[in-house]
Amino acid sequence: MVDYSIWALECSHLPDYPDSALIYGATQGARMLPFCYWILQGEGHIALIDTGFNDDEFCQGMIDAYGILGFSRPEKILARIGVRPEDVDTIIITHHHWDHISGLQYFPNANVYIQRREVDNWMAKWGTPTRQRWLAHGLDPETAADLARIGGEGRLRLVDGVADVLPGVQVHPAFDTHTAGSQYIVVQAGDGGDPWVFTGDAAYTYDNIGGPDGDGPMVPIGLGQGNQECCVRIADEMLTTAGNNIGRVIPSHEVRIWDRFPSKVYDDGLHVAELALAPNTPSRIGR
């Protein structure tokens, strides 16, 4: 049996993000949109699911354009659970959009896992003619340099489909959903219960996976570059993988996780949630 402590770390947020961009067919409503990454600690590893973004020129332009608030670098955010960026030895990237990959530069020692198809698609999108440039929306031009540098250092792991990353941690393809080479992550639960599933942007919120109780219809994401049928089928696959237990499915931009799990909000308005604690691991949020 494998045991991981799991935390959700909020690095910024966007107030009043329209539901129409999150939930296909929504015509009204808005909500707080958290930007997060997740730490898995155990089995001799500290792993990170996605990296958030940075405050270089491109990302700062996106921060300003969208009105994103509260951005903090990983050294501040990870310190809240006693981790330093250089301690992270494994990073799993769900997809290539800037808010999930542009923080790679902060983690100098981590092996980085991403689907080969996602990297190939990133390159193809940058080669499109001007009239197809919507396809490159959300892509940080520095991603290629980051991946090239990481590859040159021997830390890049391009995977094809299902792959074992760490003991009890697998990546699964979510191809042609939010992006062409998206993936979701499955983590075996140390308590012997249902696996944890981290959706990436194949599901933004619980509303894409049958609602907060997981017993309603699957609804595709509102903003995607893939196939809506694929979104529904992958959402069903992710919930099934989690034993049909919506409490073990963690959507990428779900504000309700702060209420669903023990959490703490800091003076800057950012949250940390404690999803699971391995045996003999003390709480990092004082619960």
Protein backbone atom coordinates (compact mmCIF):
# COMPACT_ATOMS: atom_id res chain seq x y z
CA MET A 1 0.00 0.00 0.00
CA VAL A 2 1.26 3.48 -0.85
CA ASP A 3 0.69 6.52 1.35
CA TYR A 4 0.72 10.12 0.21
CA SER A 5 -0.19 13.27 2.00
CA ILE A 6 -2.02 15.53 -0.43
CA TRP A 7 -2.49 19.29 -0.35
CA ALA A 8 -4.22 21.75 -2.67
CA LEU A 9 -2.35 25.06 -2.84
CA GLU A 10 -3.97 28.18 -4.26
CA CYS A 11 -1.48 30.57 -5.91
CA SER A 12 -3.95 33.20 -7.22
CA HIS A 13 -7.61 33.59 -8.08
CA LEU A 14 -9.96 35.34 -10.45
CA PRO A 15 -13.25 36.77 -9.13
CA ASP A 16 -16.45 36.62 -11.16
CA TYR A 17 -15.29 34.27 -13.90
CA PRO A 18 -18.26 33.53 -16.20
CA ASP A 19 -19.89 30.13 -15.85
CA SER A 20 -20.26 30.01 -19.64
CA ALA A 21 -16.49 29.43 -19.92
CA LEU A 22 -16.64 26.58 -17.41
CA ILE A 23 -19.89 24.77 -18.19
CA TYR A 24 -21.13 24.15 -21.71
CA GLY A 25 -24.48 25.81 -22.31
CA ALA A 26 -24.44 28.06 -19.25
CA THR A 27 -25.89 31.45 -20.15
CA GLN A 28 -25.57 33.31 -16.86
CA GLY A 29 -23.73 33.23 -13.55
CA ALA A 30 -20.13 33.73 -12.44
CA ARG A 31 -17.91 32.40 -9.67
CA MET A 32 -14.49 32.68 -8.06
CA LEU A 33 -11.91 30.78 -10.10
CA PRO A 34 -8.92 29.51 -8.09
CA PHE A 35 -5.58 28.75 -9.72
CA CYS A 36 -4.00 25.82 -7.89
CA TYR A 37 -1.37 23.16 -7.85
CA TRP A 38 -1.28 19.99 -5.78
CA ILE A 39 1.48 18.45 -3.69
CA LEU A 40 1.84 14.71 -3.12
CA GLN A 41 4.33 13.87 -0.39
CA GLY A 42 5.28 10.32 0.52
CA GLU A 43 7.09 7.19 -0.65
CA GLY A 44 10.29 9.22 -0.52
CA HIS A 45 9.01 11.77 -3.05
CA ILE A 46 7.56 15.26 -3.25
CA ALA A 47 5.51 15.54 -6.42
CA LEU A 48 3.66 18.48 -7.89
CA ILE A 49 0.66 18.32 -10.19
CA ASP A 50 0.90 21.38 -12.47
CA THR A 51 3.05 24.40 -11.63
CA GLY A 52 0.80 27.43 -11.88
CA PHE A 53 2.37 30.37 -13.71
CA ASN A 54 5.04 33.03 -13.26
CA ASP A 55 5.10 36.82 -13.42
CA ASP A 56 7.27 37.26 -16.50
CA GLU A 57 6.11 39.43 -19.38
CA PHE A 58 3.67 37.02 -21.05
CA CYS A 59 2.08 35.82 -17.81
CA GLN A 60 1.88 39.34 -16.41
CA GLY A 61 0.02 40.33 -19.55
CA MET A 62 -2.48 37.52 -18.95
CA ILE A 63 -2.80 38.47 -15.27
CA ASP A 64 -3.61 42.04 -16.26
CA ALA A 65 -5.94 41.06 -19.11
CA TYR A 66 -8.05 38.73 -16.98
CA GLY A 67 -7.84 40.67 -13.71
CA ILE A 68 -6.23 37.83 -11.76
CA LEU A 69 -5.54 38.66 -8.12
CA GLY A 70 -3.12 37.60 -5.41
CA PHE A 71 -0.40 35.89 -7.44
CA SER A 72 2.41 34.59 -5.25
CA ARG A 73 5.50 32.63 -6.23
CA PRO A 74 5.94 29.00 -5.15
CA GLU A 75 8.54 29.73 -2.47
CA LYS A 76 5.83 31.54 -0.50
CA ILE A 77 2.97 29.15 -1.28
CA LEU A 78 4.86 25.89 -0.70
CA ALA A 79 6.33 27.19 2.55
CA ARG A 80 2.83 27.03 3.99
CA ILE A 81 3.19 23.24 4.12
CA GLY A 82 6.92 23.20 4.85
CA VAL A 83 8.14 22.52 1.30
CA ARG A 84 10.66 24.40 -0.86
CA PRO A 85 10.56 24.47 -4.68
CA GLU A 86 13.94 22.75 -4.82
CA ASP A 87 12.50 19.85 -2.77
CA VAL A 88 10.09 18.90 -5.56
CA ASP A 89 11.49 15.90 -7.44
CA THR A 90 8.55 15.14 -9.76
CA ILE A 91 6.19 17.37 -11.73
CA ILE A 92 3.20 16.12 -13.70
CA ILE A 93 1.80 18.61 -16.23
CA THR A 94 -1.84 18.03 -17.13
CA HIS A 95 -1.67 20.22 -20.25
CA HIS A 96 0.26 23.02 -21.91
CA HIS A 97 -1.76 26.14 -21.08
CA TRP A 98 0.14 28.94 -19.37
CA ASP A 99 -1.64 28.73 -16.00
CA HIS A 100 -0.64 25.07 -15.64
CA ILE A 101 2.90 24.98 -17.04
CA SER A 102 4.53 28.43 -16.94
CA GLY A 103 5.84 27.96 -13.40
CA LEU A 104 8.29 25.24 -14.50
CA GLN A 105 11.20 27.64 -14.09
CA TYR A 106 10.74 27.69 -10.31
CA PHE A 107 11.51 23.98 -9.81
CA PRO A 108 15.15 23.22 -10.65
CA ASN A 109 15.37 19.59 -9.57
CA ALA A 110 12.16 17.95 -10.76
CA ASN A 111 11.63 15.37 -13.47
CA VAL A 112 8.77 16.62 -15.63
CA TYR A 113 6.11 14.29 -17.06
CA ILE A 114 3.91 15.42 -19.95
CA GLN A 115 2.20 13.61 -22.80
CA ARG A 116 4.29 13.55 -25.97
CA ARG A 117 1.13 14.32 -27.91
CA GLU A 118 0.70 17.54 -25.92
CA VAL A 119 4.21 18.74 -26.74
CA ASP A 120 3.76 17.91 -30.42
CA ASN A 121 0.45 19.76 -30.44
CA TRP A 122 2.03 22.81 -28.78
CA MET A 123 4.59 22.98 -31.58
CA ALA A 124 1.96 22.51 -34.28
CA LYS A 125 -0.20 25.30 -32.90
CA TRP A 126 2.68 27.75 -33.00
CA GLY A 127 3.16 26.90 -36.66
CA THR A 128 -0.39 27.78 -37.70
CA PRO A 129 -1.15 30.67 -40.07
CA THR A 130 -2.38 33.95 -38.65
CA ARG A 131 -6.05 33.24 -39.29
CA GLN A 132 -5.82 30.12 -37.10
CA ARG A 133 -4.05 31.82 -34.20
CA TRP A 134 -6.96 31.18 -31.84
CA LEU A 135 -5.50 27.69 -31.56
CA ALA A 136 -2.47 29.19 -29.80
CA HIS A 137 -4.55 31.14 -27.29
CA GLY A 138 -3.33 30.46 -23.78
CA LEU A 139 0.09 29.22 -24.87
CA ASP A 140 3.14 30.80 -23.26
CA PRO A 141 5.86 31.27 -25.91
CA GLU A 142 8.50 30.48 -23.27
CA THR A 143 7.19 26.93 -22.81
CA ALA A 144 9.35 25.61 -25.66
CA ALA A 145 12.50 27.05 -24.11
CA ASP A 146 11.58 25.68 -20.69
CA LEU A 147 10.98 22.18 -22.04
CA ALA A 148 14.16 22.32 -24.14
CA ARG A 149 16.20 23.34 -21.09
CA ILE A 150 14.63 20.64 -18.92
CA GLY A 151 15.22 18.09 -21.67
CA GLY A 152 18.85 19.17 -21.97
CA GLU A 153 19.25 18.61 -18.25
CA GLY A 154 17.85 15.08 -18.62
CA ARG A 155 14.71 15.80 -16.62
CA LEU A 156 11.98 15.68 -19.32
CA ARG A 157 9.82 12.55 -19.50
CA LEU A 158 7.56 12.38 -22.56
CA VAL A 159 4.89 9.72 -22.05
CA ASP A 160 2.54 8.01 -24.47
CA GLY A 161 -0.83 7.21 -22.94
CA VAL A 162 -1.06 5.47 -19.57
CA ALA A 163 2.20 5.56 -17.62
CA ASP A 164 3.44 4.90 -14.08
CA VAL A 165 5.13 7.99 -12.68
CA LEU A 166 5.73 7.11 -9.01
CA PRO A 167 4.61 4.23 -6.78
CA GLY A 168 0.84 4.36 -6.84
CA VAL A 169 0.72 7.34 -9.23
CA GLN A 170 -0.34 6.98 -12.87
CA VAL A 171 -1.14 9.36 -15.70
CA HIS A 172 -4.03 8.60 -18.05
CA PRO A 173 -4.74 10.25 -21.41
CA ALA A 174 -7.62 12.70 -21.73
CA PHE A 175 -6.92 13.29 -25.40
CA ASP A 176 -8.98 15.73 -27.45
CA THR A 177 -10.79 17.16 -24.43
CA HIS A 178 -9.54 20.53 -23.19
CA THR A 179 -6.43 20.09 -25.35
CA ALA A 180 -5.18 17.47 -27.76
CA GLY A 181 -2.81 15.82 -25.29
CA SER A 182 -4.40 16.47 -21.90
CA GLN A 183 -3.93 13.90 -19.15
CA TYR A 184 -5.42 13.20 -15.74
CA ILE A 185 -3.67 11.73 -12.71
CA VAL A 186 -4.70 8.76 -10.57
CA VAL A 187 -3.25 8.37 -7.08
CA GLN A 188 -3.87 5.23 -5.04
CA ALA A 189 -5.27 6.02 -1.61
CA GLY A 190 -3.24 5.04 1.41
CA ASP A 191 -6.41 4.47 3.44
CA GLY A 192 -7.40 1.61 1.13
CA GLY A 193 -10.31 3.63 -0.22
CA ASP A 194 -11.09 4.81 -3.71
CA PRO A 195 -8.28 6.35 -5.77
CA TRP A 196 -7.83 10.09 -6.05
CA VAL A 197 -8.31 11.54 -9.53
CA PHE A 198 -6.92 14.94 -10.53
CA THR A 199 -8.73 16.08 -13.66
CA GLY A 200 -6.62 18.86 -15.11
CA ASP A 201 -8.85 21.01 -17.28
CA ALA A 202 -10.71 18.02 -18.69
CA ALA A 203 -13.10 19.08 -15.91
CA TYR A 204 -12.97 22.56 -14.44
CA THR A 205 -15.57 22.02 -11.71
CA TYR A 206 -17.85 19.39 -10.20
CA ASP A 207 -20.53 20.64 -12.57
CA ASN A 208 -18.68 18.95 -15.44
CA ILE A 209 -18.73 15.60 -13.58
CA GLY A 210 -22.35 15.24 -12.57
CA GLY A 211 -22.49 18.03 -10.00
CA PRO A 212 -21.26 18.20 -6.38
CA ASP A 213 -22.67 14.74 -5.62
CA GLY A 214 -21.61 13.16 -8.90
CA ASP A 215 -25.10 11.82 -9.58
CA GLY A 216 -26.22 14.18 -12.34
CA PRO A 217 -25.50 14.37 -16.06
CA MET A 218 -22.00 15.01 -17.31
CA VAL A 219 -21.70 18.47 -18.90
CA PRO A 220 -18.70 19.37 -21.08
CA ILE A 221 -16.37 22.21 -20.22
CA GLY A 222 -17.34 25.57 -21.67
CA LEU A 223 -13.93 26.43 -23.13
CA GLY A 224 -12.09 23.64 -24.84
CA GLN A 225 -9.99 23.04 -27.92
CA GLY A 226 -11.01 19.43 -28.33
CA ASN A 227 -14.18 17.39 -28.76
CA GLN A 228 -17.16 17.82 -26.45
CA GLU A 229 -18.09 14.15 -26.74
CA CYS A 230 -14.57 13.28 -25.57
CA CYS A 231 -15.06 15.61 -22.59
CA VAL A 232 -18.20 13.76 -21.49
CA ARG A 233 -16.67 10.33 -21.97
CA ILE A 234 -13.49 11.25 -20.10
CA ALA A 235 -15.50 12.84 -17.28
CA ASP A 236 -17.37 9.55 -16.92
CA GLU A 237 -14.10 7.63 -17.06
CA MET A 238 -12.56 9.79 -14.34
CA LEU A 239 -15.53 9.38 -12.00
CA THR A 240 -15.60 5.63 -12.66
CA THR A 241 -11.86 5.41 -11.92
CA ALA A 242 -12.54 7.11 -8.58
CA GLY A 243 -15.02 4.37 -7.69
CA ASN A 244 -17.92 6.70 -8.55
CA ASN A 245 -16.91 8.64 -5.45
CA ILE A 246 -17.04 12.33 -6.37
CA GLY A 247 -15.25 13.10 -3.11
CA ARG A 248 -12.10 11.59 -4.61
CA VAL A 249 -12.26 13.61 -7.85
CA ILE A 250 -10.42 16.94 -7.76
CA PRO A 251 -11.32 19.35 -10.60
CA SER A 252 -8.69 21.87 -11.52
CA HIS A 253 -10.52 25.16 -10.83
CA GLU A 254 -13.13 24.14 -8.23
CA VAL A 255 -13.66 26.77 -5.53
CA ARG A 256 -15.78 24.37 -3.48
CA ILE A 257 -12.78 22.27 -2.46
CA TRP A 258 -12.09 24.81 0.31
CA ASP A 259 -15.37 23.80 1.92
CA ARG A 260 -15.19 20.11 1.06
CA PHE A 261 -11.81 19.51 2.73
CA PRO A 262 -10.14 20.93 5.85
CA SER A 263 -8.63 24.20 4.72
CA LYS A 264 -7.08 27.45 5.83
CA VAL A 265 -7.31 30.90 4.24
CA TYR A 266 -4.33 33.22 4.68
CA ASP A 267 -4.15 36.98 5.01
CA ASP A 268 -3.60 37.31 1.26
CA GLY A 269 -6.90 35.53 0.59
CA LEU A 270 -5.27 32.36 -0.74
CA HIS A 271 -6.16 28.89 0.55
CA VAL A 272 -4.50 25.61 1.41
CA ALA A 273 -6.63 22.48 1.66
CA GLU A 274 -5.49 19.22 3.24
CA LEU A 275 -6.99 16.38 1.22
CA ALA A 276 -5.16 13.49 2.91
CA LEU A 277 -2.48 12.85 5.50
CA ALA A 278 -0.20 9.83 5.48
CA PRO A 279 0.21 8.02 8.82
CA ASN A 280 2.20 9.97 11.42
CA THR A 281 2.14 13.12 9.27
CA PRO A 282 1.08 16.19 11.26
CA SER A 283 -1.41 18.63 9.83
CA ARG A 284 0.12 21.64 8.11
CA ILE A 285 -2.97 23.79 8.59
CA GLY A 286 -3.46 23.31 12.30
CA ARG A 287 -6.45 21.00 12.25
